[in-house]
Amino acid sequence: MNRRLLWGAVLLVVGTGAAAEDRNVWVLLRDKAAANGGRVVWNDLGAERSNTELDLPVDPAYIERLRSLGAEVRVRSRWLNAVSVRVSSEAERRVRSLDFVRQVRPVHRLHRPSPPPPLPLSPKGAAPLDARQDLYGPSFEQLAQIGVIPLHDRGLTGAGVKIAVIDDGFHYVDHSAFRARLRLVAERDFINGDDVVSDERDQPVTGDETGSAQNLHGGQVLSLLAGYEPNRFIGVAPDAEYILAKTEENRTELPSEEDRWIAGLEWAVDLGAQVVNSSLGYNVWDDGSGYAQADLDGATALTSVAAALAVRRGVVVVVAAGNEAQALWHYVTAPADAEGVIAVGSVDVPVGAVRAPEIAAFSSRGPTADGRIKPDLVAPGQGVVMADLRDGDYQRLSGTSFSSPLVSGVCALLLQAQPDWGPVEVLAALRTTALDLGEAGPDTVYGWGQIDALAASGLASVPPAEQALLPPFPNPARSGLVHFPVQLAERDNVELSVFDLAGNLVFAGRWQLLAGVHDQPGRAPRWEAAGDAANGLYYYLIRSAGFTRMGKIALARP
């Protein structure tokens, strides 16, 4: 399958000069220091520990002891209470004898087959399905197929939701899909040890990235989520906030390793990620090491354990199911087997919606080793349009790597519409409203079916027929925050100005909004009065191409 790794945290880059006998291993620790000065016993990889206990740091005394024995620390995992280290065989023997070490196990690696070949960008001259197709360009078909367009019409574009993408890098700086509104919270290159995830020259580990495939796959995934170039291409959640972790060294002769994934997951959750997209998976490496199919029980692979812990902590984790259906492996890969994680398979994009979508031949099948249905859902992943980062245009590629971000973006739209939901509610909404494909009921090919974003949101209503300004609220404003709801029949720019009674401008704001009703906090234009703004009456002027309105609002803060 075409898989990419998503992790980053307290990763220390390891040099390339280690002896051939050295290897990377996990050191699982028996306990950690509690806040009250006691010890917390750790014998279950964190599954039975509280969130407070998960967040306790790995004991620094243990880390220093490991270093004193010749272990080079790579990653610390608070959740697993573990450290990944690079050790010689002699150092590993000494580490195993320590009384605070519960277990030593290898750091497993990622097998990375070639992706399916690219397809032509043109959709064979299909007639437009909708008047809005010009706005979305060739991305219209894949978004319309999963019910995203109506949610955009209602103003749901991911605003206020944090999405973490963990991948091989993100060469976003030169492409027009990212110039208008890419909202970055944080970015980190855990391979080379800096805060740049786009192309650089003379990198200590990845060298000259401008002439390699490093940073391409992650940028393609990111474009499906965050891309915004009207009349050419629009992603699922262009107004979400993004956390980017570059963790996979993209040279085919070197495997990627799972400790970076786990580190990146913890890092992203620390930064407030509400959705995590992971377009990769782990199984068997070329030398026969790695996970076996019997390990896909959701509780064996450390990546799956960490993913399940993230879900338990309230994060929606979306993982590509894998491209293994035609390979000997055949099944989904870790961490797609994790309980609560949304594993995503791939279907095609029937031009003109002349038939139901069909499973892609490469899309990995279930079940898990313990008999659970996977994948959970499917989304377009065969001939999907995304950014062509080197040429500056757009291209069609295939793989469950590209089904996964479409679902991650939809999850962000659902969280914007239903901010009280968590991963359980999001998964339940997607499953119960999915388009059932294949055999009746959930199965191990399509899961519960193809996602339907509009149906899952519970907002299946008709867009407004005309532009209008709704009454501002609250009025009077006792917190200093006033919302100005609007309804738009089409995309428009909305401008808000607020004046004091002397006619002085005290606030000016401008929003570009999609068609729909923008009447909820976080979606409506707003004025948050500065702390020195006096209580009393203020005038407001709000206008767009379709309306202009003036009125009064009052501040009445205690």
Protein backbone atom coordinates (compact mmCIF):
# COMPACT_ATOMS: atom_id res chain seq x y z
CA MET A 1 0.00 0.00 0.00
CA ASN A 2 1.02 3.60 -0.38
CA ARG A 3 1.44 4.51 3.28
CA ARG A 4 3.05 7.38 5.03
CA LEU A 5 3.97 7.82 8.69
CA LEU A 6 2.48 10.50 10.93
CA TRP A 7 4.38 11.18 14.10
CA GLY A 8 6.60 13.57 15.89
CA ALA A 9 7.31 14.48 19.51
CA VAL A 10 10.49 14.45 21.50
CA LEU A 11 12.43 12.87 18.63
CA LEU A 12 16.22 13.04 18.54
CA VAL A 13 17.69 12.52 15.08
CA VAL A 14 20.13 9.63 14.98
CA GLY A 15 23.28 9.89 12.93
CA THR A 16 24.10 7.51 10.12
CA GLY A 17 27.48 6.38 11.40
CA ALA A 18 26.32 3.72 13.88
CA ALA A 19 27.81 0.25 13.71
CA ALA A 20 26.02 -2.31 11.57
CA GLU A 21 25.08 -4.35 14.65
CA ASP A 22 23.27 -1.44 16.27
CA ARG A 23 19.48 -1.50 16.17
CA ASN A 24 16.53 0.52 17.39
CA VAL A 25 14.49 -0.95 20.23
CA TRP A 26 11.70 0.05 22.56
CA VAL A 27 12.50 -0.04 26.27
CA LEU A 28 9.22 -0.45 28.17
CA LEU A 29 9.53 0.78 31.75
CA ARG A 30 7.95 -0.68 34.87
CA ASP A 31 6.83 2.55 36.53
CA LYS A 32 7.02 6.34 36.59
CA ALA A 33 6.99 8.98 39.29
CA ALA A 34 3.55 10.15 40.45
CA ALA A 35 2.76 13.78 41.25
CA ASN A 36 2.43 12.92 44.96
CA GLY A 37 5.91 11.47 45.12
CA GLY A 38 4.85 7.84 44.83
CA ARG A 39 5.25 5.47 41.91
CA VAL A 40 2.71 4.50 39.23
CA VAL A 41 3.07 0.87 38.14
CA TRP A 42 3.02 0.53 34.34
CA ASN A 43 2.27 -2.96 33.09
CA ASP A 44 -0.38 -2.45 30.40
CA LEU A 45 1.03 0.13 27.95
CA GLY A 46 -1.20 2.80 29.46
CA ALA A 47 -4.56 1.25 28.62
CA GLU A 48 -5.73 1.28 32.25
CA ARG A 49 -4.04 4.50 33.27
CA SER A 50 -5.80 7.83 33.77
CA ASN A 51 -5.10 10.77 31.47
CA THR A 52 -3.24 12.46 34.31
CA GLU A 53 -0.98 9.42 34.62
CA LEU A 54 -0.49 9.27 30.85
CA ASP A 55 0.80 12.83 30.92
CA LEU A 56 3.38 12.21 33.63
CA PRO A 57 6.86 12.36 32.09
CA VAL A 58 9.10 9.37 31.61
CA ASP A 59 11.39 9.21 34.65
CA PRO A 60 14.51 11.25 33.76
CA ALA A 61 16.62 9.11 36.10
CA TYR A 62 15.77 6.07 33.99
CA ILE A 63 16.73 7.91 30.81
CA GLU A 64 20.08 8.93 32.23
CA ARG A 65 20.74 5.34 33.34
CA LEU A 66 20.01 4.10 29.81
CA ARG A 67 22.39 6.68 28.37
CA SER A 68 25.10 5.67 30.80
CA LEU A 69 24.91 2.14 29.37
CA GLY A 70 25.49 3.37 25.82
CA ALA A 71 21.87 3.70 24.65
CA GLU A 72 21.19 6.64 22.31
CA VAL A 73 17.71 8.00 23.06
CA ARG A 74 15.46 8.58 20.02
CA VAL A 75 11.93 9.08 21.33
CA ARG A 76 10.23 9.25 24.72
CA SER A 77 6.58 8.17 24.96
CA ARG A 78 4.73 9.31 28.07
CA TRP A 79 1.62 7.34 27.14
CA LEU A 80 3.43 4.02 26.76
CA ASN A 81 5.98 4.88 29.50
CA ALA A 82 8.65 3.82 27.05
CA VAL A 83 11.82 5.05 25.40
CA SER A 84 13.06 4.07 21.95
CA VAL A 85 16.84 3.85 21.80
CA ARG A 86 19.60 2.87 19.41
CA VAL A 87 21.85 0.27 21.01
CA SER A 88 24.63 -2.18 20.24
CA SER A 89 24.01 -5.83 21.07
CA GLU A 90 26.16 -5.49 24.19
CA ALA A 91 24.34 -2.35 25.34
CA GLU A 92 20.99 -4.04 24.72
CA ARG A 93 22.06 -6.95 26.93
CA ARG A 94 22.89 -4.51 29.74
CA VAL A 95 19.61 -2.64 29.27
CA ARG A 96 17.60 -5.86 29.55
CA SER A 97 19.15 -6.57 32.95
CA LEU A 98 17.96 -3.31 34.54
CA ASP A 99 15.37 -3.74 37.28
CA PHE A 100 13.20 -0.86 36.00
CA VAL A 101 12.96 -2.33 32.48
CA ARG A 102 9.83 -4.36 31.89
CA GLN A 103 10.45 -5.42 28.30
CA VAL A 104 12.68 -4.70 25.30
CA ARG A 105 11.16 -5.09 21.85
CA PRO A 106 12.20 -3.97 18.36
CA VAL A 107 11.02 -0.72 16.84
CA HIS A 108 8.94 -1.98 13.93
CA ARG A 109 9.28 -0.54 10.46
CA LEU A 110 7.08 0.49 7.57
CA HIS A 111 6.91 -1.46 4.32
CA ARG A 112 6.26 0.97 1.48
CA PRO A 113 5.20 -0.50 -1.88
CA SER A 114 4.79 1.68 -4.95
CA PRO A 115 1.48 3.56 -5.31
CA PRO A 116 -0.90 2.92 -8.20
CA PRO A 117 0.01 4.87 -11.37
CA PRO A 118 -1.41 8.39 -11.89
CA LEU A 119 -4.50 8.98 -14.01
CA PRO A 120 -5.32 11.82 -16.46
CA LEU A 121 -6.65 14.96 -14.80
CA SER A 122 -9.50 15.53 -17.28
CA PRO A 123 -12.71 13.65 -16.34
CA LYS A 124 -13.31 12.45 -19.90
CA GLY A 125 -15.36 15.48 -20.89
CA ALA A 126 -18.18 14.91 -18.45
CA ALA A 127 -20.93 17.52 -18.40
CA PRO A 128 -21.17 19.68 -15.25
CA LEU A 129 -23.24 18.07 -12.50
CA ASP A 130 -23.95 21.34 -10.74
CA ALA A 131 -23.66 25.07 -11.33
CA ARG A 132 -21.03 25.19 -8.56
CA GLN A 133 -18.74 22.84 -10.45
CA ASP A 134 -16.90 25.83 -11.90
CA LEU A 135 -16.06 27.04 -8.40
CA TYR A 136 -14.60 23.69 -7.34
CA GLY A 137 -12.99 22.73 -10.63
CA PRO A 138 -12.06 19.04 -10.93
CA SER A 139 -12.29 18.60 -7.15
CA PHE A 140 -16.08 18.95 -7.41
CA GLU A 141 -16.75 15.28 -8.19
CA GLN A 142 -14.95 13.81 -5.19
CA LEU A 143 -16.46 16.31 -2.75
CA ALA A 144 -19.96 16.06 -4.19
CA GLN A 145 -19.77 12.25 -3.99
CA ILE A 146 -19.42 12.37 -0.19
CA GLY A 147 -21.82 15.23 0.58
CA VAL A 148 -19.28 17.96 1.33
CA ILE A 149 -20.62 20.67 -1.01
CA PRO A 150 -23.91 21.18 0.92
CA LEU A 151 -21.97 21.62 4.15
CA HIS A 152 -19.76 24.24 2.52
CA ASP A 153 -22.97 25.94 1.38
CA ARG A 154 -23.99 26.10 5.05
CA GLY A 155 -20.71 27.70 6.08
CA LEU A 156 -19.05 24.57 7.43
CA THR A 157 -15.45 24.67 6.25
CA GLY A 158 -13.61 23.43 9.35
CA ALA A 159 -13.21 26.80 11.08
CA GLY A 160 -11.99 26.46 14.65
CA VAL A 161 -11.04 22.78 14.35
CA LYS A 162 -7.40 21.64 14.62
CA ILE A 163 -6.29 18.86 12.27
CA ALA A 164 -2.90 17.18 12.61
CA VAL A 165 -1.33 15.62 9.53
CA ILE A 166 1.67 13.36 10.10
CA ASP A 167 3.49 12.44 6.93
CA ASP A 168 6.75 12.60 4.97
CA GLY A 169 6.77 16.40 4.60
CA PHE A 170 4.69 19.18 3.11
CA HIS A 171 6.05 21.23 0.22
CA TYR A 172 3.22 23.74 0.40
CA VAL A 173 5.10 27.02 0.03
CA ASP A 174 5.18 27.17 -3.79
CA HIS A 175 1.69 25.95 -4.67
CA SER A 176 -1.29 28.22 -5.26
CA ALA A 177 -3.63 25.82 -3.43
CA PHE A 178 -2.12 27.00 -0.13
CA ARG A 179 -1.58 30.72 -0.69
CA ALA A 180 -5.05 32.02 0.12
CA ARG A 181 -5.77 30.69 3.57
CA LEU A 182 -3.56 27.90 4.93
CA ARG A 183 -3.85 28.28 8.70
CA LEU A 184 -0.84 26.75 10.46
CA VAL A 185 -0.70 26.13 14.19
CA ALA A 186 2.69 24.41 14.23
CA GLU A 187 5.06 22.49 12.01
CA ARG A 188 8.04 20.34 12.88
CA ASP A 189 10.59 18.31 10.92
CA PHE A 190 11.38 15.42 13.25
CA ILE A 191 13.83 13.92 10.78
CA ASN A 192 16.23 16.83 10.44
CA GLY A 193 15.44 18.59 13.70
CA ASP A 194 14.04 21.95 12.60
CA ASP A 195 10.70 23.71 12.17
CA VAL A 196 10.56 23.61 8.35
CA VAL A 197 8.44 20.87 6.76
CA SER A 198 8.80 22.05 3.16
CA ASP A 199 11.75 21.61 0.77
CA GLU A 200 15.22 22.55 2.01
CA ARG A 201 18.71 21.95 0.67
CA ASP A 202 21.63 20.38 2.54
CA GLN A 203 19.53 18.72 5.20
CA PRO A 204 21.58 16.57 7.62
CA VAL A 205 19.49 13.45 6.98
CA THR A 206 17.38 13.98 3.85
CA GLY A 207 19.95 15.98 1.84
CA ASP A 208 18.73 18.12 -1.06
CA GLU A 209 14.98 17.74 -0.83
CA THR A 210 14.31 19.90 -3.89
CA GLY A 211 15.32 17.04 -6.16
CA SER A 212 13.65 14.19 -4.31
CA ALA A 213 10.17 12.96 -3.46
CA GLN A 214 10.59 14.06 0.15
CA ASN A 215 7.73 16.37 1.21
CA LEU A 216 5.47 15.48 -1.74
CA HIS A 217 3.09 12.88 -0.34
CA GLY A 218 2.30 14.92 2.76
CA GLY A 219 1.70 18.01 0.64
CA GLN A 220 -0.69 16.06 -1.57
CA VAL A 221 -2.60 14.84 1.49
CA LEU A 222 -2.66 18.37 2.89
CA SER A 223 -4.09 19.77 -0.34
CA LEU A 224 -7.10 17.45 -0.09
CA LEU A 225 -7.79 18.93 3.32
CA ALA A 226 -6.68 22.56 3.19
CA GLY A 227 -6.40 23.48 -0.49
CA TYR A 228 -8.29 26.61 -1.53
CA GLU A 229 -8.01 28.06 -5.04
CA PRO A 230 -11.52 29.00 -6.21
CA ASN A 231 -12.38 28.00 -9.77
CA ARG A 232 -9.54 25.46 -9.76
CA PHE A 233 -9.58 23.39 -6.57
CA ILE A 234 -11.09 23.37 -3.06
CA GLY A 235 -10.29 20.97 -0.22
CA VAL A 236 -12.68 19.56 2.36
CA ALA A 237 -11.72 21.81 5.30
CA PRO A 238 -9.95 24.94 3.99
CA ASP A 239 -10.65 26.94 7.16
CA ALA A 240 -9.40 24.37 9.67
CA GLU A 241 -6.16 24.94 11.57
CA TYR A 242 -3.28 22.60 10.76
CA ILE A 243 -0.51 20.91 12.72
CA LEU A 244 2.12 19.41 10.41
CA ALA A 245 4.60 16.75 11.50
CA LYS A 246 7.27 15.59 9.06
CA THR A 247 8.35 12.17 10.26
CA GLU A 248 9.00 9.80 7.37
CA GLU A 249 12.32 9.69 5.58
CA ASN A 250 11.15 9.15 2.03
CA ARG A 251 13.98 7.10 0.57
CA THR A 252 12.76 3.71 -0.60
CA GLU A 253 15.86 1.88 0.60
CA LEU A 254 15.22 3.01 4.18
CA PRO A 255 12.20 1.96 6.21
CA SER A 256 10.25 4.40 8.36
CA GLU A 257 9.94 3.44 11.98
CA GLU A 258 6.99 3.43 14.33
CA ASP A 259 8.56 5.37 17.20
CA ARG A 260 8.34 8.58 15.15
CA TRP A 261 4.64 7.96 14.58
CA ILE A 262 3.96 7.58 18.28
CA ALA A 263 6.06 10.60 19.15
CA GLY A 264 4.23 12.69 16.55
CA LEU A 265 0.84 11.59 17.78
CA GLU A 266 1.61 12.66 21.35
CA TRP A 267 3.04 15.97 20.10
CA ALA A 268 -0.07 16.71 18.04
CA VAL A 269 -2.44 15.91 20.89
CA ASP A 270 -0.40 18.16 23.20
CA LEU A 271 -1.01 20.99 20.69
CA GLY A 272 -4.77 20.48 20.81
CA ALA A 273 -5.36 18.37 17.70
CA GLN A 274 -9.01 17.31 17.46
CA VAL A 275 -8.52 15.24 14.30
CA VAL A 276 -5.38 13.30 13.34
CA ASN A 277 -4.85 12.03 9.80
CA SER A 278 -2.45 9.12 9.29
CA SER A 279 -2.00 8.01 5.70
CA LEU A 280 0.28 5.03 6.35
CA GLY A 281 0.42 1.62 7.93
CA TYR A 282 2.79 -0.99 9.30
CA ASN A 283 3.17 -4.64 8.41
CA VAL A 284 6.19 -6.70 7.29
CA TRP A 285 9.48 -5.13 6.21
CA ASP A 286 11.56 -6.58 3.38
CA ASP A 287 13.78 -8.57 5.76
CA GLY A 288 10.78 -10.29 7.34
CA SER A 289 10.71 -8.16 10.48
CA GLY A 290 7.66 -6.18 11.50
CA TYR A 291 4.13 -7.14 12.43
CA ALA A 292 2.37 -10.31 11.37
CA GLN A 293 -1.31 -10.55 10.50
CA ALA A 294 -1.93 -12.23 13.85
CA ASP A 295 -0.74 -9.02 15.52
CA LEU A 296 -3.61 -6.99 14.04
CA ASP A 297 -5.81 -7.29 17.12
CA GLY A 298 -5.74 -3.61 18.07
CA ALA A 299 -3.66 -4.30 21.17
CA THR A 300 -0.30 -5.63 19.94
CA ALA A 301 1.20 -3.08 17.54
CA LEU A 302 2.41 -0.11 19.57
CA THR A 303 1.10 2.26 16.92
CA SER A 304 -2.37 0.80 17.41
CA VAL A 305 -2.09 1.05 21.18
CA ALA A 306 -1.11 4.72 20.92
CA ALA A 307 -3.89 5.46 18.40
CA ALA A 308 -6.48 3.89 20.72
CA LEU A 309 -5.18 6.01 23.60
CA ALA A 310 -5.59 9.15 21.48
CA VAL A 311 -9.20 8.18 20.74
CA ARG A 312 -9.79 7.59 24.44
CA ARG A 313 -8.50 11.09 25.07
CA GLY A 314 -11.14 12.57 22.74
CA VAL A 315 -9.22 12.80 19.47
CA VAL A 316 -10.71 11.59 16.17
CA VAL A 317 -8.00 9.42 14.57
CA VAL A 318 -8.41 8.62 10.86
CA VAL A 319 -6.10 6.06 9.26
CA ALA A 320 -5.70 4.75 5.71
CA ALA A 321 -6.70 1.08 5.56
CA GLY A 322 -3.85 0.20 3.20
CA ASN A 323 -3.26 -0.72 -0.43
CA GLU A 324 -2.66 -4.42 0.22
CA ALA A 325 -5.68 -6.20 -1.24
CA GLN A 326 -3.75 -7.51 -4.23
CA ALA A 327 -0.61 -8.29 -2.23
CA LEU A 328 0.14 -11.33 -0.10
CA TRP A 329 -0.67 -9.35 3.01
CA HIS A 330 -4.23 -8.52 1.78
CA TYR A 331 -5.52 -7.08 5.08
CA VAL A 332 -5.55 -3.67 6.75
CA THR A 333 -2.34 -2.59 8.42
CA ALA A 334 -1.55 -1.17 11.85
CA PRO A 335 -2.76 1.20 13.28
CA ALA A 336 -5.95 0.83 11.20
CA ASP A 337 -6.78 -2.18 13.41
CA ALA A 338 -7.06 -0.04 16.56
CA GLU A 339 -10.37 0.09 18.41
CA GLY A 340 -12.17 3.41 17.82
CA VAL A 341 -9.87 4.50 15.00
CA ILE A 342 -11.62 5.26 11.69
CA ALA A 343 -9.99 2.98 9.11
CA VAL A 344 -10.72 4.19 5.57
CA GLY A 345 -10.81 2.14 2.38
CA SER A 346 -10.92 3.43 -1.18
CA VAL A 347 -13.63 3.55 -3.84
CA ASP A 348 -13.58 5.04 -7.31
CA VAL A 349 -15.22 8.26 -8.52
CA PRO A 350 -17.88 7.39 -11.11
CA VAL A 351 -18.02 10.37 -13.48
CA GLY A 352 -21.54 11.76 -13.66
CA ALA A 353 -22.73 9.50 -10.81
CA VAL A 354 -23.97 6.99 -13.37
CA ARG A 355 -23.49 4.07 -10.96
CA ALA A 356 -22.65 3.36 -7.35
CA PRO A 357 -18.99 3.70 -6.34
CA GLU A 358 -17.00 0.49 -6.42
CA ILE A 359 -14.17 -0.67 -4.21
CA ALA A 360 -10.68 -0.03 -5.56
CA ALA A 361 -8.87 -3.26 -6.37
CA PHE A 362 -5.94 -2.28 -4.14
CA SER A 363 -7.97 -1.26 -1.07
CA SER A 364 -7.08 -3.46 1.94
CA ARG A 365 -9.73 -5.75 3.34
CA GLY A 366 -10.66 -6.87 6.85
CA PRO A 367 -11.29 -8.32 9.29
CA THR A 368 -8.83 -7.69 12.10
CA ALA A 369 -7.05 -10.65 13.68
CA ASP A 370 -9.65 -10.71 16.46
CA GLY A 371 -12.56 -10.67 14.01
CA ARG A 372 -13.68 -7.02 14.04
CA ILE A 373 -14.94 -5.36 10.86
CA LYS A 374 -12.39 -3.15 9.15
CA PRO A 375 -12.30 -0.89 7.24
CA ASP A 376 -14.92 1.21 8.99
CA LEU A 377 -15.81 3.35 5.98
CA VAL A 378 -14.80 4.12 2.41
CA ALA A 379 -14.27 7.33 0.47
CA PRO A 380 -12.96 8.29 -2.98
CA GLY A 381 -9.36 7.16 -3.38
CA GLN A 382 -9.07 6.07 -7.01
CA GLY A 383 -8.33 8.91 -9.41
CA VAL A 384 -8.61 11.60 -6.73
CA VAL A 385 -7.62 15.17 -7.68
CA MET A 386 -4.94 16.86 -5.56
CA ALA A 387 -2.09 19.35 -5.84
CA ASP A 388 0.80 18.60 -8.18
CA LEU A 389 3.44 20.19 -5.97
CA ARG A 390 6.34 20.23 -8.41
CA ASP A 391 4.48 21.48 -11.49
CA GLY A 392 2.11 23.85 -9.70
CA ASP A 393 -1.02 22.33 -11.23
CA TYR A 394 -3.30 19.47 -10.15
CA GLN A 395 -3.17 15.73 -10.76
CA ARG A 396 -5.10 12.51 -10.20
CA LEU A 397 -3.56 9.87 -7.96
CA SER A 398 -4.86 6.77 -6.20
CA GLY A 399 -4.50 5.10 -2.84
CA THR A 400 -6.19 4.86 0.53
CA SER A 401 -3.66 7.54 1.53
CA PHE A 402 -5.98 9.96 -0.26
CA SER A 403 -9.27 8.48 0.97
CA SER A 404 -8.18 9.10 4.54
CA PRO A 405 -7.80 12.92 4.37
CA LEU A 406 -11.21 13.27 2.73
CA VAL A 407 -12.70 11.56 5.77
CA SER A 408 -10.51 13.56 8.16
CA GLY A 409 -11.79 16.76 6.57
CA VAL A 410 -15.39 15.63 6.93
CA CYS A 411 -14.74 14.87 10.59
CA ALA A 412 -13.59 18.47 11.02
CA LEU A 413 -16.81 19.74 9.41
CA LEU A 414 -18.84 17.57 11.78
CA LEU A 415 -16.96 18.88 14.80
CA GLN A 416 -17.56 22.43 13.63
CA ALA A 417 -21.27 21.72 13.27
CA GLN A 418 -21.47 19.65 16.48
CA PRO A 419 -18.75 20.99 18.81
CA ASP A 420 -19.88 18.77 21.69
CA TRP A 421 -19.15 15.58 19.75
CA GLY A 422 -16.16 13.37 20.40
CA PRO A 423 -14.67 10.45 18.44
CA VAL A 424 -17.44 8.06 19.48
CA GLU A 425 -20.19 10.35 18.23
CA VAL A 426 -18.35 11.19 15.00
CA LEU A 427 -17.77 7.53 14.13
CA ALA A 428 -21.34 6.60 15.00
CA ALA A 429 -22.74 9.42 12.85
CA LEU A 430 -20.58 8.41 9.88
CA ARG A 431 -21.43 4.73 10.19
CA THR A 432 -25.19 5.10 10.63
CA THR A 433 -25.57 7.48 7.66
CA ALA A 434 -23.10 5.88 5.24
CA LEU A 435 -24.18 4.72 1.77
CA ASP A 436 -24.29 0.94 2.08
CA LEU A 437 -22.28 -0.65 -0.72
CA GLY A 438 -21.49 -4.26 -1.53
CA GLU A 439 -23.21 -6.81 0.68
CA ALA A 440 -26.15 -5.58 2.74
CA GLY A 441 -24.94 -4.31 6.10
CA PRO A 442 -21.36 -3.77 7.25
CA ASP A 443 -18.75 -6.00 5.65
CA THR A 444 -14.98 -6.37 5.46
CA VAL A 445 -14.67 -4.73 2.03
CA TYR A 446 -16.67 -1.48 2.35
CA GLY A 447 -17.13 -1.42 6.11
CA TRP A 448 -20.34 0.44 6.86
CA GLY A 449 -20.18 2.11 3.44
CA GLN A 450 -19.24 5.41 1.79
CA ILE A 451 -19.40 8.46 4.03
CA ASP A 452 -22.19 11.01 3.55
CA ALA A 453 -21.08 14.23 5.22
CA LEU A 454 -24.43 16.01 4.92
CA ALA A 455 -26.41 13.12 6.35
CA ALA A 456 -23.92 12.62 9.18
CA SER A 457 -24.13 16.29 10.16
CA GLY A 458 -27.89 16.23 10.68
CA LEU A 459 -28.15 19.49 8.74
CA ALA A 460 -29.90 18.25 5.62
CA SER A 461 -31.97 21.37 4.95
CA VAL A 462 -32.46 23.67 1.95
CA PRO A 463 -29.95 26.58 1.62
CA PRO A 464 -31.47 30.05 1.99
CA ALA A 465 -33.02 31.61 -1.10
CA GLU A 466 -31.93 35.18 -0.35
CA GLN A 467 -29.37 37.27 1.51
CA ALA A 468 -30.37 38.55 4.93
CA LEU A 469 -28.94 39.86 8.18
CA LEU A 470 -30.41 38.28 11.29
CA PRO A 471 -30.62 40.12 14.65
CA PRO A 472 -27.26 40.43 16.43
CA PHE A 473 -26.94 38.52 19.69
CA PRO A 474 -26.61 38.88 22.59
CA ASN A 475 -27.88 42.44 22.73
CA PRO A 476 -27.10 43.85 25.22
CA ALA A 477 -23.75 42.07 25.37
CA ARG A 478 -22.69 41.32 28.94
CA SER A 479 -19.47 39.51 27.94
CA GLY A 480 -18.36 42.02 25.31
CA LEU A 481 -18.84 39.53 22.46
CA VAL A 482 -21.56 40.14 19.86
CA HIS A 483 -22.40 37.81 16.95
CA PHE A 484 -23.91 39.11 13.69
CA PRO A 485 -25.64 36.15 11.99
CA VAL A 486 -26.19 36.29 8.24
CA GLN A 487 -27.75 34.06 5.64
CA LEU A 488 -26.24 33.99 2.17
CA ALA A 489 -27.70 32.54 -0.99
CA GLU A 490 -24.21 32.48 -2.54
CA ARG A 491 -20.59 33.08 -1.60
CA ASP A 492 -20.06 36.69 -0.53
CA ASN A 493 -17.78 39.07 1.37
CA VAL A 494 -19.32 40.44 4.55
CA GLU A 495 -17.93 43.61 6.15
CA LEU A 496 -18.72 44.75 9.69
CA SER A 497 -17.93 48.17 11.17
CA VAL A 498 -18.69 49.31 14.73
CA PHE A 499 -18.72 53.00 15.80
CA ASP A 500 -19.10 54.73 19.14
CA LEU A 501 -21.70 57.47 19.62
CA ALA A 502 -19.17 60.10 18.56
CA GLY A 503 -18.77 58.39 15.20
CA ASN A 504 -15.31 56.97 15.88
CA LEU A 505 -14.57 53.62 14.27
CA VAL A 506 -13.79 51.10 17.02
CA PHE A 507 -13.82 47.88 14.99
CA ALA A 508 -13.68 46.74 11.36
CA GLY A 509 -13.78 43.14 10.16
CA ARG A 510 -14.20 41.32 6.88
CA TRP A 511 -15.22 37.71 6.20
CA GLN A 512 -15.45 35.68 2.99
CA LEU A 513 -18.33 33.28 3.57
CA LEU A 514 -19.83 30.45 1.57
CA ALA A 515 -23.56 30.22 0.89
CA GLY A 516 -25.54 29.12 3.92
CA VAL A 517 -26.82 30.26 7.29
CA HIS A 518 -24.02 31.56 9.50
CA ASP A 519 -25.88 31.90 12.77
CA GLN A 520 -23.80 30.03 15.34
CA PRO A 521 -20.88 31.22 17.49
CA GLY A 522 -17.71 30.49 15.57
CA ARG A 523 -19.51 30.74 12.23
CA ALA A 524 -21.16 34.20 12.35
CA PRO A 525 -19.22 37.46 11.95
CA ARG A 526 -18.46 38.87 15.38
CA TRP A 527 -17.21 41.83 17.37
CA GLU A 528 -15.34 41.24 20.60
CA ALA A 529 -15.09 44.58 22.37
CA ALA A 530 -11.67 45.52 23.68
CA GLY A 531 -11.21 45.60 27.42
CA ASP A 532 -11.14 49.40 27.49
CA ALA A 533 -14.40 49.78 25.53
CA ALA A 534 -16.93 51.63 27.67
CA ASN A 535 -20.38 50.28 28.38
CA GLY A 536 -23.13 51.96 26.40
CA LEU A 537 -24.61 52.16 22.92
CA TYR A 538 -22.71 51.54 19.68
CA TYR A 539 -23.71 51.74 16.04
CA TYR A 540 -22.93 48.94 13.61
CA LEU A 541 -22.86 48.82 9.82
CA ILE A 542 -22.85 45.42 8.14
CA ARG A 543 -22.90 45.01 4.40
CA SER A 544 -22.29 42.63 1.52
CA ALA A 545 -23.11 42.60 -2.17
CA GLY A 546 -26.68 41.66 -1.27
CA PHE A 547 -27.54 43.85 1.73
CA THR A 548 -26.56 46.84 3.88
CA ARG A 549 -27.90 47.34 7.36
CA MET A 550 -27.31 49.68 10.28
CA GLY A 551 -28.39 49.28 13.87
CA LYS A 552 -27.52 49.69 17.52
CA ILE A 553 -26.00 47.32 20.03
CA ALA A 554 -25.30 47.80 23.69
CA LEU A 555 -22.43 46.77 25.93
CA ALA A 556 -23.50 46.10 29.50
CA ARG A 557 -20.57 44.31 31.07
CA PRO A 558 -20.69 43.96 34.85
